[in-house]
């Protein structure tokens, strides 16, 4: 399985949708229900995460960064990470 690909998918409590794509960038909308996990994966590009709603724990490089509405976090490509939701959350992935 290629951990670098997020397809339009819906798994119990998690929905990932591509909302904008060009030759150089893509924007994904992720919806994650309270107490659900977005499993460990990587991104093929440097990425900006933008929280639109809710509160999440972003787990990366043995750290947990707590992010809430309107907060952002940038991370490098090919670094494993995962997300858990404190409450129903929506966030953008821009890469």
N, C-alpha and C. Protein backbone atom coordinates (compact mmCIF):
# COMPACT_ATOMS: atom_id res chain seq x y z
N UNK A 1 0.84 -1.19 0.00
CA UNK A 1 0.00 0.00 0.00
C UNK A 1 0.88 1.25 0.00
N UNK A 2 0.55 2.20 -0.84
CA UNK A 2 1.30 3.45 -0.90
C UNK A 2 0.73 4.42 0.13
N UNK A 3 1.53 4.75 1.15
CA UNK A 3 1.08 5.64 2.22
C UNK A 3 1.02 7.09 1.77
N UNK A 4 1.48 7.40 0.56
CA UNK A 4 1.52 8.78 0.09
C UNK A 4 0.26 9.19 -0.65
N UNK A 5 -0.67 8.31 -0.81
CA UNK A 5 -1.85 8.64 -1.61
C UNK A 5 -3.09 8.69 -0.72
N UNK A 6 -3.78 9.82 -0.76
CA UNK A 6 -5.09 9.91 -0.11
C UNK A 6 -6.11 9.97 -1.23
N UNK A 7 -6.95 8.98 -1.30
CA UNK A 7 -8.00 8.93 -2.30
C UNK A 7 -9.28 9.45 -1.67
N UNK A 8 -10.25 9.77 -2.52
CA UNK A 8 -11.54 10.13 -1.94
C UNK A 8 -12.05 8.89 -1.26
N UNK A 9 -12.20 8.98 0.02
CA UNK A 9 -12.56 7.79 0.77
C UNK A 9 -13.35 8.17 2.01
N UNK A 10 -14.13 7.24 2.45
CA UNK A 10 -14.83 7.42 3.72
C UNK A 10 -14.70 6.12 4.50
N UNK A 11 -14.10 6.24 5.67
CA UNK A 11 -13.94 5.13 6.59
C UNK A 11 -14.67 5.57 7.85
N UNK A 12 -15.16 4.66 8.60
CA UNK A 12 -15.93 5.00 9.80
C UNK A 12 -15.28 6.14 10.58
N UNK A 13 -15.93 7.30 10.57
CA UNK A 13 -15.45 8.46 11.32
C UNK A 13 -14.45 9.34 10.60
N UNK A 14 -14.04 8.94 9.40
CA UNK A 14 -13.04 9.69 8.64
C UNK A 14 -13.50 9.82 7.19
N UNK A 15 -13.45 11.05 6.67
CA UNK A 15 -13.76 11.27 5.27
C UNK A 15 -12.69 12.19 4.70
N UNK A 16 -12.09 11.78 3.58
CA UNK A 16 -11.08 12.58 2.89
C UNK A 16 -11.56 12.82 1.47
N UNK A 17 -11.58 14.10 1.06
CA UNK A 17 -12.04 14.46 -0.28
C UNK A 17 -11.09 15.46 -0.91
N UNK A 18 -10.71 15.20 -2.16
CA UNK A 18 -9.95 16.21 -2.91
C UNK A 18 -10.93 17.30 -3.31
N UNK A 19 -10.59 18.55 -3.00
CA UNK A 19 -11.50 19.63 -3.37
C UNK A 19 -10.89 20.55 -4.43
N UNK A 20 -9.57 20.46 -4.64
CA UNK A 20 -8.93 21.30 -5.63
C UNK A 20 -7.60 20.65 -6.03
N UNK A 21 -7.35 20.56 -7.34
CA UNK A 21 -6.11 19.97 -7.81
C UNK A 21 -5.60 20.73 -9.03
N UNK A 22 -4.30 21.01 -9.05
CA UNK A 22 -3.63 21.55 -10.24
C UNK A 22 -2.43 20.65 -10.51
N UNK A 23 -1.62 21.02 -11.48
CA UNK A 23 -0.41 20.24 -11.77
C UNK A 23 0.58 20.28 -10.61
N UNK A 24 0.54 21.34 -9.81
CA UNK A 24 1.55 21.49 -8.76
C UNK A 24 1.02 21.38 -7.32
N UNK A 25 -0.28 21.52 -7.12
CA UNK A 25 -0.84 21.46 -5.76
C UNK A 25 -2.16 20.71 -5.73
N UNK A 26 -2.49 20.31 -4.51
CA UNK A 26 -3.82 19.76 -4.28
C UNK A 26 -4.27 20.18 -2.89
N UNK A 27 -5.58 20.30 -2.74
CA UNK A 27 -6.17 20.64 -1.46
C UNK A 27 -7.17 19.55 -1.12
N UNK A 28 -7.03 19.03 0.09
CA UNK A 28 -7.91 17.97 0.58
C UNK A 28 -8.70 18.49 1.77
N UNK A 29 -9.95 18.10 1.86
CA UNK A 29 -10.77 18.39 3.03
C UNK A 29 -10.91 17.09 3.81
N UNK A 30 -10.48 17.12 5.06
CA UNK A 30 -10.57 15.95 5.92
C UNK A 30 -11.59 16.22 7.01
N UNK A 31 -12.52 15.30 7.18
CA UNK A 31 -13.50 15.35 8.26
C UNK A 31 -13.22 14.17 9.17
N UNK A 32 -13.03 14.45 10.45
CA UNK A 32 -12.69 13.42 11.42
C UNK A 32 -13.60 13.56 12.63
N UNK A 33 -14.34 12.51 12.94
CA UNK A 33 -15.27 12.55 14.07
C UNK A 33 -14.53 12.44 15.40
N UNK A 34 -15.18 12.92 16.44
CA UNK A 34 -14.63 12.88 17.79
C UNK A 34 -14.11 11.48 18.14
N UNK A 35 -12.90 11.45 18.71
CA UNK A 35 -12.24 10.23 19.18
C UNK A 35 -11.84 9.26 18.06
N UNK A 36 -11.93 9.69 16.81
CA UNK A 36 -11.51 8.83 15.69
C UNK A 36 -10.07 9.13 15.32
N UNK A 37 -9.46 8.19 14.62
CA UNK A 37 -8.07 8.25 14.24
C UNK A 37 -7.92 8.31 12.73
N UNK A 38 -7.08 9.22 12.25
CA UNK A 38 -6.61 9.20 10.87
C UNK A 38 -5.27 8.48 10.97
N UNK A 39 -5.22 7.22 10.51
CA UNK A 39 -4.04 6.37 10.77
C UNK A 39 -2.74 6.95 10.22
N UNK A 40 -1.65 6.37 10.66
CA UNK A 40 -0.31 6.79 10.26
C UNK A 40 -0.17 6.74 8.74
N UNK A 41 0.37 7.84 8.19
CA UNK A 41 0.60 7.97 6.76
C UNK A 41 1.67 9.02 6.53
N UNK A 42 2.03 9.27 5.29
CA UNK A 42 2.98 10.32 4.93
C UNK A 42 2.39 11.17 3.82
N UNK A 43 3.02 12.30 3.56
CA UNK A 43 2.62 13.18 2.47
C UNK A 43 3.77 13.23 1.46
N UNK A 44 3.46 13.25 0.17
CA UNK A 44 4.51 13.29 -0.84
C UNK A 44 5.13 14.67 -1.02
N UNK A 45 4.55 15.68 -0.36
CA UNK A 45 5.04 17.06 -0.49
C UNK A 45 5.01 17.75 0.87
N UNK A 46 5.77 18.83 1.00
CA UNK A 46 5.64 19.68 2.17
C UNK A 46 4.18 20.13 2.23
N UNK A 47 3.62 20.13 3.43
CA UNK A 47 2.17 20.29 3.59
C UNK A 47 1.82 21.34 4.63
N UNK A 48 0.75 22.08 4.34
CA UNK A 48 0.15 23.01 5.30
C UNK A 48 -1.17 22.40 5.74
N UNK A 49 -1.34 22.24 7.04
CA UNK A 49 -2.59 21.77 7.63
C UNK A 49 -3.28 22.98 8.23
N UNK A 50 -4.57 23.17 7.93
CA UNK A 50 -5.35 24.30 8.42
C UNK A 50 -6.62 23.75 9.08
N UNK A 51 -6.77 23.97 10.37
CA UNK A 51 -7.96 23.48 11.07
C UNK A 51 -9.10 24.47 10.84
N UNK A 52 -10.21 23.96 10.33
CA UNK A 52 -11.39 24.79 10.07
C UNK A 52 -12.41 24.71 11.20
N UNK A 53 -12.46 23.56 11.85
CA UNK A 53 -13.47 23.32 12.90
C UNK A 53 -12.94 22.24 13.83
N UNK A 54 -13.21 22.39 15.12
CA UNK A 54 -12.88 21.35 16.08
C UNK A 54 -11.51 21.51 16.71
N UNK A 55 -10.98 20.37 17.16
CA UNK A 55 -9.69 20.33 17.85
C UNK A 55 -9.08 18.96 17.62
N UNK A 56 -7.80 18.94 17.22
CA UNK A 56 -7.13 17.68 16.90
C UNK A 56 -5.78 17.57 17.62
N UNK A 57 -5.34 16.35 17.76
CA UNK A 57 -3.97 16.06 18.14
C UNK A 57 -3.26 15.61 16.87
N UNK A 58 -2.20 16.31 16.52
CA UNK A 58 -1.40 15.97 15.35
C UNK A 58 -0.12 15.33 15.87
N UNK A 59 0.06 14.05 15.60
CA UNK A 59 1.19 13.28 16.11
C UNK A 59 2.25 13.16 15.02
N UNK A 60 3.44 13.71 15.29
CA UNK A 60 4.52 13.68 14.30
C UNK A 60 5.86 13.73 15.03
N UNK A 61 6.81 12.94 14.56
CA UNK A 61 8.17 12.93 15.10
C UNK A 61 8.21 12.87 16.63
N UNK A 62 7.47 11.93 17.19
CA UNK A 62 7.42 11.73 18.64
C UNK A 62 6.92 12.94 19.42
N UNK A 63 6.14 13.81 18.77
CA UNK A 63 5.53 14.98 19.42
C UNK A 63 4.03 14.93 19.16
N UNK A 64 3.28 15.58 20.03
CA UNK A 64 1.86 15.79 19.81
C UNK A 64 1.60 17.28 19.82
N UNK A 65 1.08 17.78 18.71
CA UNK A 65 0.75 19.20 18.59
C UNK A 65 -0.77 19.30 18.63
N UNK A 66 -1.29 20.06 19.59
CA UNK A 66 -2.74 20.26 19.69
C UNK A 66 -3.10 21.47 18.85
N UNK A 67 -4.03 21.26 17.92
CA UNK A 67 -4.46 22.33 17.01
C UNK A 67 -5.97 22.50 17.09
N UNK A 68 -6.42 23.74 17.14
CA UNK A 68 -7.85 24.05 17.18
C UNK A 68 -8.20 24.97 16.00
N UNK A 69 -9.47 25.31 15.93
CA UNK A 69 -10.00 26.13 14.84
C UNK A 69 -9.09 27.32 14.52
N UNK A 70 -8.77 27.49 13.24
CA UNK A 70 -7.97 28.56 12.65
C UNK A 70 -6.48 28.43 12.90
N UNK A 71 -6.05 27.36 13.54
CA UNK A 71 -4.62 27.15 13.72
C UNK A 71 -4.05 26.35 12.55
N UNK A 72 -2.76 26.54 12.31
CA UNK A 72 -2.09 25.87 11.18
C UNK A 72 -0.82 25.18 11.65
N UNK A 73 -0.37 24.26 10.82
CA UNK A 73 0.90 23.58 11.08
C UNK A 73 1.46 23.13 9.74
N UNK A 74 2.76 23.37 9.53
CA UNK A 74 3.43 22.95 8.31
C UNK A 74 4.40 21.82 8.64
N UNK A 75 4.45 20.82 7.76
CA UNK A 75 5.37 19.70 7.97
C UNK A 75 5.95 19.24 6.64
N UNK A 76 7.10 18.59 6.74
CA UNK A 76 7.85 18.18 5.56
C UNK A 76 7.30 16.89 4.95
N UNK A 77 7.65 16.65 3.71
CA UNK A 77 7.20 15.45 3.01
C UNK A 77 7.84 14.20 3.62
N UNK A 78 7.18 13.09 3.40
CA UNK A 78 7.67 11.76 3.77
C UNK A 78 7.92 11.55 5.26
N UNK A 79 7.27 12.36 6.11
CA UNK A 79 7.39 12.18 7.56
C UNK A 79 6.08 11.54 8.04
N UNK A 80 6.19 10.39 8.70
CA UNK A 80 4.99 9.71 9.19
C UNK A 80 4.28 10.56 10.25
N UNK A 81 2.97 10.57 10.17
CA UNK A 81 2.15 11.30 11.13
C UNK A 81 0.76 10.67 11.19
N UNK A 82 0.03 11.03 12.24
CA UNK A 82 -1.36 10.60 12.38
C UNK A 82 -2.13 11.67 13.14
N UNK A 83 -3.45 11.59 13.07
CA UNK A 83 -4.30 12.60 13.69
C UNK A 83 -5.40 11.92 14.49
N UNK A 84 -5.68 12.45 15.68
CA UNK A 84 -6.86 12.05 16.45
C UNK A 84 -7.68 13.30 16.75
N UNK A 85 -8.99 13.12 16.85
CA UNK A 85 -9.88 14.26 17.06
C UNK A 85 -10.39 14.32 18.50
N UNK A 86 -10.27 15.50 19.12
CA UNK A 86 -10.86 15.73 20.45
C UNK A 86 -12.37 15.88 20.33
N UNK A 87 -12.80 16.48 19.22
CA UNK A 87 -14.22 16.63 18.93
C UNK A 87 -14.36 16.61 17.42
N UNK A 88 -15.58 16.58 16.91
CA UNK A 88 -15.77 16.55 15.46
C UNK A 88 -14.96 17.68 14.84
N UNK A 89 -14.15 17.35 13.83
CA UNK A 89 -13.21 18.31 13.27
C UNK A 89 -13.18 18.26 11.76
N UNK A 90 -12.81 19.41 11.17
CA UNK A 90 -12.57 19.51 9.73
C UNK A 90 -11.27 20.28 9.55
N UNK A 91 -10.45 19.80 8.62
CA UNK A 91 -9.21 20.51 8.33
C UNK A 91 -8.82 20.34 6.88
N UNK A 92 -8.08 21.34 6.39
CA UNK A 92 -7.57 21.30 5.04
C UNK A 92 -6.14 20.81 5.05
N UNK A 93 -5.79 20.07 4.02
CA UNK A 93 -4.42 19.67 3.73
C UNK A 93 -4.09 20.32 2.40
N UNK A 94 -3.12 21.22 2.41
CA UNK A 94 -2.72 21.93 1.19
C UNK A 94 -1.27 21.54 0.91
N UNK A 95 -1.08 20.89 -0.23
CA UNK A 95 0.26 20.40 -0.56
C UNK A 95 0.53 20.46 -2.04
